[in-house]
Amino acid sequence: MAIIITDECINCDACIAECPNNAIYEPDQEWSYSDGTELSGDVKLLNGDEVDADEMNAPISDEFYFIVPDKCTECKGFHDEPQCASVCPVDCCIPDENHVETEDTLLKKKVWLHAV
């Protein structure tokens, strides 16, 4: 499953540099699938939807740092545990019950994001 940042976030910025998928953004920041990935142009998401990877998307939160679920792999294939959670001083990076994924799916997402 993806990780979510709860409203206990103190916007400390510790998590952003730790994310290997560039899936974490500042409050009120637009984001794209291509940010920090190998994706570009028209791409098919793992769920079959098609998107423009370079298109800017609306922020998910305007108050707290947020994680884009389609870009979060829980650091599978990079680290043994989600790095955002390991560096968070207030433990607000937790599993997102609304985005449950198997380890196999998370590893496929890593390959999709980084073409490796």
C-alpha atoms as a PDB file:
ATOM      1  CA  MET A   1       0.000   0.000   0.000  1.00  0.00           C
ATOM      2  CA  ALA A   2       1.082   3.582  -0.425  1.00  0.00           C
ATOM      3  CA  ILE A   3       2.105   5.781   2.459  1.00  0.00           C
ATOM      4  CA  ILE A   4       0.046   8.807   3.489  1.00  0.00           C
ATOM      5  CA  ILE A   5       1.080  11.861   5.480  1.00  0.00           C
ATOM      6  CA  THR A   6      -1.421  12.658   8.222  1.00  0.00           C
ATOM      7  CA  ASP A   7      -2.543  16.057   9.477  1.00  0.00           C
ATOM      8  CA  GLU A   8      -0.048  15.711  12.330  1.00  0.00           C
ATOM      9  CA  CYS A   9       2.643  16.732   9.811  1.00  0.00           C
ATOM     10  CA  ILE A  10       4.728  19.693  11.003  1.00  0.00           C
ATOM     11  CA  ASN A  11       5.992  20.435   7.454  1.00  0.00           C
ATOM     12  CA  CYS A  12       9.588  19.862   8.547  1.00  0.00           C
ATOM     13  CA  ASP A  13      10.808  18.838   5.067  1.00  0.00           C
ATOM     14  CA  ALA A  14      12.679  15.736   6.324  1.00  0.00           C
ATOM     15  CA  CYS A  15      10.835  13.304   4.046  1.00  0.00           C
ATOM     16  CA  ILE A  16      11.175  14.947   0.636  1.00  0.00           C
ATOM     17  CA  ALA A  17      14.858  14.227   0.050  1.00  0.00           C
ATOM     18  CA  GLU A  18      14.423  10.619   1.211  1.00  0.00           C
ATOM     19  CA  CYS A  19      11.837   9.603  -1.404  1.00  0.00           C
ATOM     20  CA  PRO A  20      13.432   7.679  -4.303  1.00  0.00           C
ATOM     21  CA  ASN A  21      10.337   8.246  -6.458  1.00  0.00           C
ATOM     22  CA  ASN A  22       9.899  11.968  -5.914  1.00  0.00           C
ATOM     23  CA  ALA A  23       6.385  11.169  -4.702  1.00  0.00           C
ATOM     24  CA  ILE A  24       6.355  13.689  -1.831  1.00  0.00           C
ATOM     25  CA  TYR A  25       5.431  17.315  -2.383  1.00  0.00           C
ATOM     26  CA  GLU A  26       5.143  20.479  -0.352  1.00  0.00           C
ATOM     27  CA  PRO A  27       1.696  21.781   0.596  1.00  0.00           C
ATOM     28  CA  ASP A  28      -0.123  23.456  -2.304  1.00  0.00           C
ATOM     29  CA  GLN A  29       2.496  22.291  -4.839  1.00  0.00           C
ATOM     30  CA  GLU A  30       1.456  21.047  -8.265  1.00  0.00           C
ATOM     31  CA  TRP A  31       2.959  17.700  -9.273  1.00  0.00           C
ATOM     32  CA  SER A  32       3.490  15.493 -12.310  1.00  0.00           C
ATOM     33  CA  TYR A  33       4.255  11.843 -12.933  1.00  0.00           C
ATOM     34  CA  SER A  34       7.448  12.843 -14.738  1.00  0.00           C
ATOM     35  CA  ASP A  35       8.936  14.631 -11.689  1.00  0.00           C
ATOM     36  CA  GLY A  36      11.994  12.585 -10.721  1.00  0.00           C
ATOM     37  CA  THR A  37      11.029   9.583 -12.861  1.00  0.00           C
ATOM     38  CA  GLU A  38      11.695   8.266 -16.357  1.00  0.00           C
ATOM     39  CA  LEU A  39       8.089   8.895 -17.397  1.00  0.00           C
ATOM     40  CA  SER A  40       7.374  11.404 -20.160  1.00  0.00           C
ATOM     41  CA  GLY A  41       4.524  12.146 -22.530  1.00  0.00           C
ATOM     42  CA  ASP A  42       1.485   9.888 -22.752  1.00  0.00           C
ATOM     43  CA  VAL A  43       1.781   6.905 -20.407  1.00  0.00           C
ATOM     44  CA  LYS A  44      -0.501   4.161 -19.179  1.00  0.00           C
ATOM     45  CA  LEU A  45      -0.917   3.898 -15.401  1.00  0.00           C
ATOM     46  CA  LEU A  46      -0.770   0.454 -13.845  1.00  0.00           C
ATOM     47  CA  ASN A  47      -4.569   0.551 -13.506  1.00  0.00           C
ATOM     48  CA  GLY A  48      -4.885   1.039 -17.277  1.00  0.00           C
ATOM     49  CA  ASP A  49      -5.746   4.749 -17.265  1.00  0.00           C
ATOM     50  CA  GLU A  50      -3.796   6.942 -19.664  1.00  0.00           C
ATOM     51  CA  VAL A  51      -2.272  10.252 -18.576  1.00  0.00           C
ATOM     52  CA  ASP A  52       0.208  12.838 -19.797  1.00  0.00           C
ATOM     53  CA  ALA A  53       3.174  12.309 -17.469  1.00  0.00           C
ATOM     54  CA  ASP A  54       4.341  15.893 -18.003  1.00  0.00           C
ATOM     55  CA  GLU A  55       0.993  17.486 -17.172  1.00  0.00           C
ATOM     56  CA  MET A  56       0.878  19.363 -13.889  1.00  0.00           C
ATOM     57  CA  ASN A  57      -1.759  18.096 -11.452  1.00  0.00           C
ATOM     58  CA  ALA A  58      -3.540  19.909  -8.643  1.00  0.00           C
ATOM     59  CA  PRO A  59      -2.009  19.607  -5.176  1.00  0.00           C
ATOM     60  CA  ILE A  60      -3.445  16.841  -2.996  1.00  0.00           C
ATOM     61  CA  SER A  61      -3.129  19.024   0.124  1.00  0.00           C
ATOM     62  CA  ASP A  62      -2.817  22.743   0.672  1.00  0.00           C
ATOM     63  CA  GLU A  63      -1.884  22.421   4.364  1.00  0.00           C
ATOM     64  CA  PHE A  64       0.532  19.516   4.718  1.00  0.00           C
ATOM     65  CA  TYR A  65       3.187  17.693   2.738  1.00  0.00           C
ATOM     66  CA  PHE A  66       1.545  14.969   0.657  1.00  0.00           C
ATOM     67  CA  ILE A  67       2.434  11.752  -1.140  1.00  0.00           C
ATOM     68  CA  VAL A  68       1.131  10.928  -4.629  1.00  0.00           C
ATOM     69  CA  PRO A  69      -0.149   7.331  -4.241  1.00  0.00           C
ATOM     70  CA  ASP A  70       0.540   6.401  -7.878  1.00  0.00           C
ATOM     71  CA  LYS A  71       4.224   7.277  -7.361  1.00  0.00           C
ATOM     72  CA  CYS A  72       4.696   5.708  -3.911  1.00  0.00           C
ATOM     73  CA  THR A  73       6.311   2.266  -3.830  1.00  0.00           C
ATOM     74  CA  GLU A  74       6.916   2.198  -0.064  1.00  0.00           C
ATOM     75  CA  CYS A  75      10.585   2.302  -1.153  1.00  0.00           C
ATOM     76  CA  LYS A  76      10.318  -1.347  -2.339  1.00  0.00           C
ATOM     77  CA  GLY A  77      13.326  -2.172  -4.484  1.00  0.00           C
ATOM     78  CA  PHE A  78      15.302   0.683  -2.921  1.00  0.00           C
ATOM     79  CA  HIS A  79      15.184   0.221   0.862  1.00  0.00           C
ATOM     80  CA  ASP A  80      13.908  -2.243   3.465  1.00  0.00           C
ATOM     81  CA  GLU A  81      11.366   0.254   4.854  1.00  0.00           C
ATOM     82  CA  PRO A  82       9.659   3.457   3.736  1.00  0.00           C
ATOM     83  CA  GLN A  83      12.253   6.169   4.188  1.00  0.00           C
ATOM     84  CA  CYS A  84       9.710   8.933   4.804  1.00  0.00           C
ATOM     85  CA  ALA A  85       8.432   7.066   7.842  1.00  0.00           C
ATOM     86  CA  SER A  86      11.923   6.322   9.115  1.00  0.00           C
ATOM     87  CA  VAL A  87      12.958  10.009   9.159  1.00  0.00           C
ATOM     88  CA  CYS A  88       9.648  11.551  10.242  1.00  0.00           C
ATOM     89  CA  PRO A  89      10.053  13.174  13.679  1.00  0.00           C
ATOM     90  CA  VAL A  90       6.320  13.015  14.459  1.00  0.00           C
ATOM     91  CA  ASP A  91       5.485   9.599  12.927  1.00  0.00           C
ATOM     92  CA  CYS A  92       2.887  11.012  10.533  1.00  0.00           C
ATOM     93  CA  CYS A  93       3.906   8.871   7.533  1.00  0.00           C
ATOM     94  CA  ILE A  94       1.682   5.822   7.827  1.00  0.00           C
ATOM     95  CA  PRO A  95       0.236   3.121   5.526  1.00  0.00           C
ATOM     96  CA  ASP A  96      -2.655   4.438   3.419  1.00  0.00           C
ATOM     97  CA  GLU A  97      -5.581   2.058   3.922  1.00  0.00           C
ATOM     98  CA  ASN A  98      -7.202   3.502   0.757  1.00  0.00           C
ATOM     99  CA  HIS A  99      -4.297   2.372  -1.443  1.00  0.00           C
ATOM    100  CA  VAL A 100      -3.506  -1.231  -0.528  1.00  0.00           C
ATOM    101  CA  GLU A 101      -1.004  -2.866  -2.910  1.00  0.00           C
ATOM    102  CA  THR A 102       0.979  -6.091  -2.867  1.00  0.00           C
ATOM    103  CA  GLU A 103       4.781  -6.119  -2.817  1.00  0.00           C
ATOM    104  CA  ASP A 104       4.699  -7.421  -6.397  1.00  0.00           C
ATOM    105  CA  THR A 105       2.569  -4.451  -7.486  1.00  0.00           C
ATOM    106  CA  LEU A 106       4.877  -2.002  -5.690  1.00  0.00           C
ATOM    107  CA  LEU A 107       7.907  -3.509  -7.438  1.00  0.00           C
ATOM    108  CA  LYS A 108       6.132  -3.283 -10.824  1.00  0.00           C
ATOM    109  CA  LYS A 109       5.380   0.364 -10.061  1.00  0.00           C
ATOM    110  CA  LYS A 110       9.089   0.960  -9.356  1.00  0.00           C
ATOM    111  CA  VAL A 111      10.014  -0.510 -12.750  1.00  0.00           C
ATOM    112  CA  TRP A 112       7.272   1.567 -14.416  1.00  0.00           C
ATOM    113  CA  LEU A 113       8.493   4.791 -12.794  1.00  0.00           C
ATOM    114  CA  HIS A 114      12.192   4.264 -13.400  1.00  0.00           C
ATOM    115  CA  ALA A 115      12.360   1.990 -16.478  1.00  0.00           C
ATOM    116  CA  VAL A 116      14.613  -0.489 -14.668  1.00  0.00           C
END
